[in-house]
Amino acid sequence: MEQFGQQALVSLFVNIVVLVTVWWSLQTFKWDLFVADPDGPKAKALVILVAIAITHLVSSFLLNYFNWSTMLRHLF
């Protein structure tokens, strides 16, 4: 049962670190090329949704890679 708690803690930490990194990197993107009002609420909602989507993809990859690498010890 303790292992599930540790895995949840690692997952939360990875998700938060990836979210901050994605948010930081999206701030350099020129949104005014794609949206009419880049400072409007719709554009901000779009940035939030894009950040969440990219965070999900990247953190899922990292956590799956971590889980698979820990399962390799059962191969031999």
PDB file of N, CA and C in Angstrom:
ATOM      1  N   MET A   1       0.820  -1.190   0.000  1.00  0.00           N
ATOM      2  CA  MET A   1       0.000   0.000   0.000  1.00  0.00           C
ATOM      3  C   MET A   1       0.869   1.261   0.000  1.00  0.00           C
ATOM      4  N   GLU A   2       2.026   1.166   0.658  1.00  0.00           N
ATOM      5  CA  GLU A   2       2.933   2.310   0.704  1.00  0.00           C
ATOM      6  C   GLU A   2       3.484   2.640  -0.675  1.00  0.00           C
ATOM      7  N   GLN A   3       3.639   1.597  -1.507  1.00  0.00           N
ATOM      8  CA  GLN A   3       4.162   1.796  -2.853  1.00  0.00           C
ATOM      9  C   GLN A   3       3.202   2.648  -3.691  1.00  0.00           C
ATOM     10  N   PHE A   4       1.899   2.475  -3.496  1.00  0.00           N
ATOM     11  CA  PHE A   4       0.924   3.276  -4.229  1.00  0.00           C
ATOM     12  C   PHE A   4       1.017   4.742  -3.830  1.00  0.00           C
ATOM     13  N   GLY A   5       1.243   4.999  -2.571  1.00  0.00           N
ATOM     14  CA  GLY A   5       1.407   6.372  -2.108  1.00  0.00           C
ATOM     15  C   GLY A   5       2.654   7.012  -2.675  1.00  0.00           C
ATOM     16  N   GLN A   6       3.742   6.250  -2.729  1.00  0.00           N
ATOM     17  CA  GLN A   6       4.975   6.778  -3.303  1.00  0.00           C
ATOM     18  C   GLN A   6       4.814   7.038  -4.797  1.00  0.00           C
ATOM     19  N   GLN A   7       4.132   6.138  -5.474  1.00  0.00           N
ATOM     20  CA  GLN A   7       3.904   6.313  -6.907  1.00  0.00           C
ATOM     21  C   GLN A   7       3.017   7.539  -7.162  1.00  0.00           C
ATOM     22  N   ALA A   8       2.029   7.754  -6.322  1.00  0.00           N
ATOM     23  CA  ALA A   8       1.163   8.929  -6.468  1.00  0.00           C
ATOM     24  C   ALA A   8       1.952  10.209  -6.225  1.00  0.00           C
ATOM     25  N   LEU A   9       2.831  10.196  -5.242  1.00  0.00           N
ATOM     26  CA  LEU A   9       3.649  11.365  -4.952  1.00  0.00           C
ATOM     27  C   LEU A   9       4.586  11.683  -6.110  1.00  0.00           C
ATOM     28  N   VAL A  10       5.210  10.667  -6.691  1.00  0.00           N
ATOM     29  CA  VAL A  10       6.085  10.872  -7.850  1.00  0.00           C
ATOM     30  C   VAL A  10       5.278  11.393  -9.029  1.00  0.00           C
ATOM     31  N   SER A  11       4.097  10.845  -9.249  1.00  0.00           N
ATOM     32  CA  SER A  11       3.255  11.293 -10.360  1.00  0.00           C
ATOM     33  C   SER A  11       2.849  12.758 -10.197  1.00  0.00           C
ATOM     34  N   LEU A  12       2.464  13.138  -8.998  1.00  0.00           N
ATOM     35  CA  LEU A  12       2.107  14.533  -8.751  1.00  0.00           C
ATOM     36  C   LEU A  12       3.293  15.457  -8.987  1.00  0.00           C
ATOM     37  N   PHE A  13       4.452  15.070  -8.486  1.00  0.00           N
ATOM     38  CA  PHE A  13       5.647  15.887  -8.652  1.00  0.00           C
ATOM     39  C   PHE A  13       6.009  16.039 -10.127  1.00  0.00           C
ATOM     40  N   VAL A  14       5.977  14.945 -10.870  1.00  0.00           N
ATOM     41  CA  VAL A  14       6.310  14.997 -12.299  1.00  0.00           C
ATOM     42  C   VAL A  14       5.310  15.867 -13.048  1.00  0.00           C
ATOM     43  N   ASN A  15       4.025  15.717 -12.749  1.00  0.00           N
ATOM     44  CA  ASN A  15       3.011  16.520 -13.419  1.00  0.00           C
ATOM     45  C   ASN A  15       3.193  18.009 -13.145  1.00  0.00           C
ATOM     46  N   ILE A  16       3.495  18.363 -11.916  1.00  0.00           N
ATOM     47  CA  ILE A  16       3.667  19.776 -11.582  1.00  0.00           C
ATOM     48  C   ILE A  16       4.917  20.344 -12.248  1.00  0.00           C
ATOM     49  N   VAL A  17       6.009  19.594 -12.220  1.00  0.00           N
ATOM     50  CA  VAL A  17       7.241  20.073 -12.853  1.00  0.00           C
ATOM     51  C   VAL A  17       7.040  20.235 -14.362  1.00  0.00           C
ATOM     52  N   VAL A  18       6.386  19.278 -14.981  1.00  0.00           N
ATOM     53  CA  VAL A  18       6.146  19.367 -16.426  1.00  0.00           C
ATOM     54  C   VAL A  18       5.182  20.519 -16.736  1.00  0.00           C
ATOM     55  N   LEU A  19       4.166  20.717 -15.911  1.00  0.00           N
ATOM     56  CA  LEU A  19       3.222  21.813 -16.137  1.00  0.00           C
ATOM     57  C   LEU A  19       3.924  23.164 -16.057  1.00  0.00           C
ATOM     58  N   VAL A  20       4.770  23.344 -15.074  1.00  0.00           N
ATOM     59  CA  VAL A  20       5.502  24.607 -14.955  1.00  0.00           C
ATOM     60  C   VAL A  20       6.423  24.804 -16.151  1.00  0.00           C
ATOM     61  N   THR A  21       7.082  23.751 -16.586  1.00  0.00           N
ATOM     62  CA  THR A  21       7.980  23.844 -17.739  1.00  0.00           C
ATOM     63  C   THR A  21       7.216  24.165 -19.020  1.00  0.00           C
ATOM     64  N   VAL A  22       6.091  23.504 -19.219  1.00  0.00           N
ATOM     65  CA  VAL A  22       5.270  23.757 -20.413  1.00  0.00           C
ATOM     66  C   VAL A  22       4.716  25.175 -20.377  1.00  0.00           C
ATOM     67  N   TRP A  23       4.223  25.607 -19.241  1.00  0.00           N
ATOM     68  CA  TRP A  23       3.671  26.965 -19.113  1.00  0.00           C
ATOM     69  C   TRP A  23       4.755  28.005 -19.417  1.00  0.00           C
ATOM     70  N   TRP A  24       5.950  27.772 -18.867  1.00  0.00           N
ATOM     71  CA  TRP A  24       7.072  28.684 -19.092  1.00  0.00           C
ATOM     72  C   TRP A  24       7.431  28.733 -20.577  1.00  0.00           C
ATOM     73  N   SER A  25       7.457  27.586 -21.227  1.00  0.00           N
ATOM     74  CA  SER A  25       7.830  27.558 -22.637  1.00  0.00           C
ATOM     75  C   SER A  25       6.739  28.141 -23.535  1.00  0.00           C
ATOM     76  N   LEU A  26       5.484  28.024 -23.142  1.00  0.00           N
ATOM     77  CA  LEU A  26       4.403  28.586 -23.960  1.00  0.00           C
ATOM     78  C   LEU A  26       4.345  30.112 -23.886  1.00  0.00           C
ATOM     79  N   GLN A  27       4.977  30.697 -22.895  1.00  0.00           N
ATOM     80  CA  GLN A  27       4.968  32.150 -22.773  1.00  0.00           C
ATOM     81  C   GLN A  27       5.779  32.822 -23.886  1.00  0.00           C
ATOM     82  N   THR A  28       6.684  32.098 -24.513  1.00  0.00           N
ATOM     83  CA  THR A  28       7.479  32.672 -25.598  1.00  0.00           C
ATOM     84  C   THR A  28       6.804  32.529 -26.959  1.00  0.00           C
ATOM     85  N   PHE A  29       5.709  31.781 -27.013  1.00  0.00           N
ATOM     86  CA  PHE A  29       5.000  31.540 -28.268  1.00  0.00           C
ATOM     87  C   PHE A  29       4.210  32.789 -28.652  1.00  0.00           C
ATOM     88  N   LYS A  30       4.200  33.137 -29.932  1.00  0.00           N
ATOM     89  CA  LYS A  30       3.482  34.322 -30.413  1.00  0.00           C
ATOM     90  C   LYS A  30       2.031  33.943 -30.737  1.00  0.00           C
ATOM     91  N   TRP A  31       1.178  34.102 -29.750  1.00  0.00           N
ATOM     92  CA  TRP A  31      -0.226  33.743 -29.915  1.00  0.00           C
ATOM     93  C   TRP A  31      -0.968  34.727 -30.813  1.00  0.00           C
ATOM     94  N   ASP A  32      -0.446  35.944 -30.963  1.00  0.00           N
ATOM     95  CA  ASP A  32      -1.133  36.937 -31.781  1.00  0.00           C
ATOM     96  C   ASP A  32      -1.168  36.557 -33.264  1.00  0.00           C
ATOM     97  N   LEU A  33      -0.354  35.596 -33.662  1.00  0.00           N
ATOM     98  CA  LEU A  33      -0.396  35.111 -35.040  1.00  0.00           C
ATOM     99  C   LEU A  33      -1.594  34.202 -35.291  1.00  0.00           C
ATOM    100  N   PHE A  34      -2.172  33.639 -34.223  1.00  0.00           N
ATOM    101  CA  PHE A  34      -3.246  32.655 -34.371  1.00  0.00           C
ATOM    102  C   PHE A  34      -4.592  33.108 -33.814  1.00  0.00           C
ATOM    103  N   VAL A  35      -4.590  34.042 -32.887  1.00  0.00           N
ATOM    104  CA  VAL A  35      -5.845  34.508 -32.294  1.00  0.00           C
ATOM    105  C   VAL A  35      -5.967  36.010 -32.507  1.00  0.00           C
ATOM    106  N   ALA A  36      -7.210  36.475 -32.610  1.00  0.00           N
ATOM    107  CA  ALA A  36      -7.450  37.889 -32.896  1.00  0.00           C
ATOM    108  C   ALA A  36      -7.082  38.771 -31.700  1.00  0.00           C
ATOM    109  N   ASP A  37      -7.467  38.349 -30.507  1.00  0.00           N
ATOM    110  CA  ASP A  37      -7.195  39.137 -29.297  1.00  0.00           C
ATOM    111  C   ASP A  37      -6.375  38.284 -28.337  1.00  0.00           C
ATOM    112  N   PRO A  38      -5.050  38.350 -28.407  1.00  0.00           N
ATOM    113  CA  PRO A  38      -4.214  37.458 -27.589  1.00  0.00           C
ATOM    114  C   PRO A  38      -4.294  37.726 -26.081  1.00  0.00           C
ATOM    115  N   ASP A  39      -4.804  38.892 -25.691  1.00  0.00           N
ATOM    116  CA  ASP A  39      -4.941  39.204 -24.269  1.00  0.00           C
ATOM    117  C   ASP A  39      -6.348  38.955 -23.751  1.00  0.00           C
ATOM    118  N   GLY A  40      -7.231  38.466 -24.593  1.00  0.00           N
ATOM    119  CA  GLY A  40      -8.615  38.225 -24.206  1.00  0.00           C
ATOM    120  C   GLY A  40      -8.773  36.931 -23.416  1.00  0.00           C
ATOM    121  N   PRO A  41      -9.937  36.753 -22.807  1.00  0.00           N
ATOM    122  CA  PRO A  41     -10.168  35.559 -21.983  1.00  0.00           C
ATOM    123  C   PRO A  41     -10.199  34.256 -22.790  1.00  0.00           C
ATOM    124  N   LYS A  42     -10.656  34.331 -24.022  1.00  0.00           N
ATOM    125  CA  LYS A  42     -10.685  33.119 -24.849  1.00  0.00           C
ATOM    126  C   LYS A  42      -9.274  32.659 -25.189  1.00  0.00           C
ATOM    127  N   ALA A  43      -8.405  33.600 -25.474  1.00  0.00           N
ATOM    128  CA  ALA A  43      -7.011  33.258 -25.780  1.00  0.00           C
ATOM    129  C   ALA A  43      -6.314  32.699 -24.544  1.00  0.00           C
ATOM    130  N   LYS A  44      -6.597  33.258 -23.387  1.00  0.00           N
ATOM    131  CA  LYS A  44      -5.998  32.747 -22.143  1.00  0.00           C
ATOM    132  C   LYS A  44      -6.491  31.338 -21.851  1.00  0.00           C
ATOM    133  N   ALA A  45      -7.780  31.097 -22.100  1.00  0.00           N
ATOM    134  CA  ALA A  45      -8.328  29.744 -21.909  1.00  0.00           C
ATOM    135  C   ALA A  45      -7.673  28.767 -22.878  1.00  0.00           C
ATOM    136  N   LEU A  46      -7.413  29.215 -24.105  1.00  0.00           N
ATOM    137  CA  LEU A  46      -6.737  28.365 -25.082  1.00  0.00           C
ATOM    138  C   LEU A  46      -5.330  28.018 -24.615  1.00  0.00           C
ATOM    139  N   VAL A  47      -4.608  28.985 -24.081  1.00  0.00           N
ATOM    140  CA  VAL A  47      -3.252  28.736 -23.585  1.00  0.00           C
ATOM    141  C   VAL A  47      -3.287  27.736 -22.436  1.00  0.00           C
ATOM    142  N   ILE A  48      -4.254  27.869 -21.551  1.00  0.00           N
ATOM    143  CA  ILE A  48      -4.380  26.939 -20.419  1.00  0.00           C
ATOM    144  C   ILE A  48      -4.676  25.532 -20.911  1.00  0.00           C
ATOM    145  N   LEU A  49      -5.592  25.403 -21.865  1.00  0.00           N
ATOM    146  CA  LEU A  49      -5.937  24.080 -22.392  1.00  0.00           C
ATOM    147  C   LEU A  49      -4.771  23.443 -23.150  1.00  0.00           C
ATOM    148  N   VAL A  50      -4.039  24.247 -23.899  1.00  0.00           N
ATOM    149  CA  VAL A  50      -2.873  23.726 -24.620  1.00  0.00           C
ATOM    150  C   VAL A  50      -1.808  23.281 -23.624  1.00  0.00           C
ATOM    151  N   ALA A  51      -1.609  24.064 -22.569  1.00  0.00           N
ATOM    152  CA  ALA A  51      -0.628  23.698 -21.542  1.00  0.00           C
ATOM    153  C   ALA A  51      -1.014  22.391 -20.852  1.00  0.00           C
ATOM    154  N   ILE A  52      -2.283  22.227 -20.550  1.00  0.00           N
ATOM    155  CA  ILE A  52      -2.744  20.996 -19.903  1.00  0.00           C
ATOM    156  C   ILE A  52      -2.583  19.805 -20.846  1.00  0.00           C
ATOM    157  N   ALA A  53      -2.909  19.993 -22.121  1.00  0.00           N
ATOM    158  CA  ALA A  53      -2.800  18.898 -23.087  1.00  0.00           C
ATOM    159  C   ALA A  53      -1.347  18.465 -23.279  1.00  0.00           C
ATOM    160  N   ILE A  54      -0.452  19.422 -23.439  1.00  0.00           N
ATOM    161  CA  ILE A  54       0.959  19.079 -23.612  1.00  0.00           C
ATOM    162  C   ILE A  54       1.516  18.455 -22.341  1.00  0.00           C
ATOM    163  N   THR A  55       1.103  18.987 -21.195  1.00  0.00           N
ATOM    164  CA  THR A  55       1.549  18.422 -19.915  1.00  0.00           C
ATOM    165  C   THR A  55       1.115  16.974 -19.783  1.00  0.00           C
ATOM    166  N   HIS A  56      -0.111  16.675 -20.171  1.00  0.00           N
ATOM    167  CA  HIS A  56      -0.595  15.299 -20.081  1.00  0.00           C
ATOM    168  C   HIS A  56       0.231  14.374 -20.968  1.00  0.00           C
ATOM    169  N   LEU A  57       0.506  14.809 -22.190  1.00  0.00           N
ATOM    170  CA  LEU A  57       1.284  13.979 -23.110  1.00  0.00           C
ATOM    171  C   LEU A  57       2.700  13.735 -22.597  1.00  0.00           C
ATOM    172  N   VAL A  58       3.367  14.787 -22.172  1.00  0.00           N
ATOM    173  CA  VAL A  58       4.767  14.663 -21.747  1.00  0.00           C
ATOM    174  C   VAL A  58       4.872  13.890 -20.437  1.00  0.00           C
ATOM    175  N   SER A  59       4.025  14.215 -19.473  1.00  0.00           N
ATOM    176  CA  SER A  59       4.118  13.518 -18.184  1.00  0.00           C
ATOM    177  C   SER A  59       3.698  12.054 -18.307  1.00  0.00           C
ATOM    178  N   SER A  60       2.746  11.754 -19.170  1.00  0.00           N
ATOM    179  CA  SER A  60       2.379  10.357 -19.394  1.00  0.00           C
ATOM    180  C   SER A  60       3.546   9.582 -19.981  1.00  0.00           C
ATOM    181  N   PHE A  61       4.230  10.194 -20.944  1.00  0.00           N
ATOM    182  CA  PHE A  61       5.401   9.549 -21.522  1.00  0.00           C
ATOM    183  C   PHE A  61       6.469   9.311 -20.455  1.00  0.00           C
ATOM    184  N   LEU A  62       6.786  10.327 -19.667  1.00  0.00           N
ATOM    185  CA  LEU A  62       7.830  10.197 -18.654  1.00  0.00           C
ATOM    186  C   LEU A  62       7.476   9.157 -17.593  1.00  0.00           C
ATOM    187  N   LEU A  63       6.229   9.171 -17.137  1.00  0.00           N
ATOM    188  CA  LEU A  63       5.828   8.206 -16.108  1.00  0.00           C
ATOM    189  C   LEU A  63       5.771   6.785 -16.654  1.00  0.00           C
ATOM    190  N   ASN A  64       5.305   6.625 -17.885  1.00  0.00           N
ATOM    191  CA  ASN A  64       5.321   5.293 -18.503  1.00  0.00           C
ATOM    192  C   ASN A  64       6.747   4.795 -18.679  1.00  0.00           C
ATOM    193  N   TYR A  65       7.627   5.665 -19.123  1.00  0.00           N
ATOM    194  CA  TYR A  65       9.029   5.290 -19.296  1.00  0.00           C
ATOM    195  C   TYR A  65       9.637   4.875 -17.958  1.00  0.00           C
ATOM    196  N   PHE A  66       9.340   5.615 -16.918  1.00  0.00           N
ATOM    197  CA  PHE A  66       9.841   5.278 -15.585  1.00  0.00           C
ATOM    198  C   PHE A  66       9.299   3.924 -15.114  1.00  0.00           C
ATOM    199  N   ASN A  67       8.012   3.706 -15.301  1.00  0.00           N
ATOM    200  CA  ASN A  67       7.403   2.426 -14.882  1.00  0.00           C
ATOM    201  C   ASN A  67       7.973   1.256 -15.674  1.00  0.00           C
ATOM    202  N   TRP A  68       8.122   1.441 -16.975  1.00  0.00           N
ATOM    203  CA  TRP A  68       8.663   0.362 -17.796  1.00  0.00           C
ATOM    204  C   TRP A  68      10.112   0.070 -17.431  1.00  0.00           C
ATOM    205  N   SER A  69      10.884   1.106 -17.148  1.00  0.00           N
ATOM    206  CA  SER A  69      12.292   0.874 -16.786  1.00  0.00           C
ATOM    207  C   SER A  69      12.409   0.168 -15.451  1.00  0.00           C
ATOM    208  N   THR A  70      11.490   0.403 -14.530  1.00  0.00           N
ATOM    209  CA  THR A  70      11.535  -0.301 -13.246  1.00  0.00           C
ATOM    210  C   THR A  70      11.065  -1.748 -13.404  1.00  0.00           C
ATOM    211  N   MET A  71      10.268  -2.039 -14.414  1.00  0.00           N
ATOM    212  CA  MET A  71       9.815  -3.410 -14.641  1.00  0.00           C
ATOM    213  C   MET A  71      10.867  -4.273 -15.341  1.00  0.00           C
ATOM    214  N   LEU A  72      11.904  -3.635 -15.894  1.00  0.00           N
ATOM    215  CA  LEU A  72      12.945  -4.385 -16.591  1.00  0.00           C
ATOM    216  C   LEU A  72      13.700  -5.339 -15.655  1.00  0.00           C
ATOM    217  N   ARG A  73      13.723  -5.054 -14.387  1.00  0.00           N
ATOM    218  CA  ARG A  73      14.429  -5.933 -13.449  1.00  0.00           C
ATOM    219  C   ARG A  73      13.775  -7.309 -13.375  1.00  0.00           C
ATOM    220  N   HIS A  74      12.519  -7.406 -13.771  1.00  0.00           N
ATOM    221  CA  HIS A  74      11.823  -8.697 -13.762  1.00  0.00           C
ATOM    222  C   HIS A  74      12.125  -9.518 -15.007  1.00  0.00           C
ATOM    223  N   LEU A  75      12.859  -8.936 -15.948  1.00  0.00           N
ATOM    224  CA  LEU A  75      13.177  -9.628 -17.198  1.00  0.00           C
ATOM    225  C   LEU A  75      14.231 -10.712 -16.972  1.00  0.00           C
ATOM    226  N   PHE A  76      15.177 -10.459 -16.106  1.00  0.00           N
ATOM    227  CA  PHE A  76      16.263 -11.410 -15.890  1.00  0.00           C
ATOM    228  C   PHE A  76      16.186 -12.043 -14.523  1.00  0.00           C
TER     229      PHE A  76
END
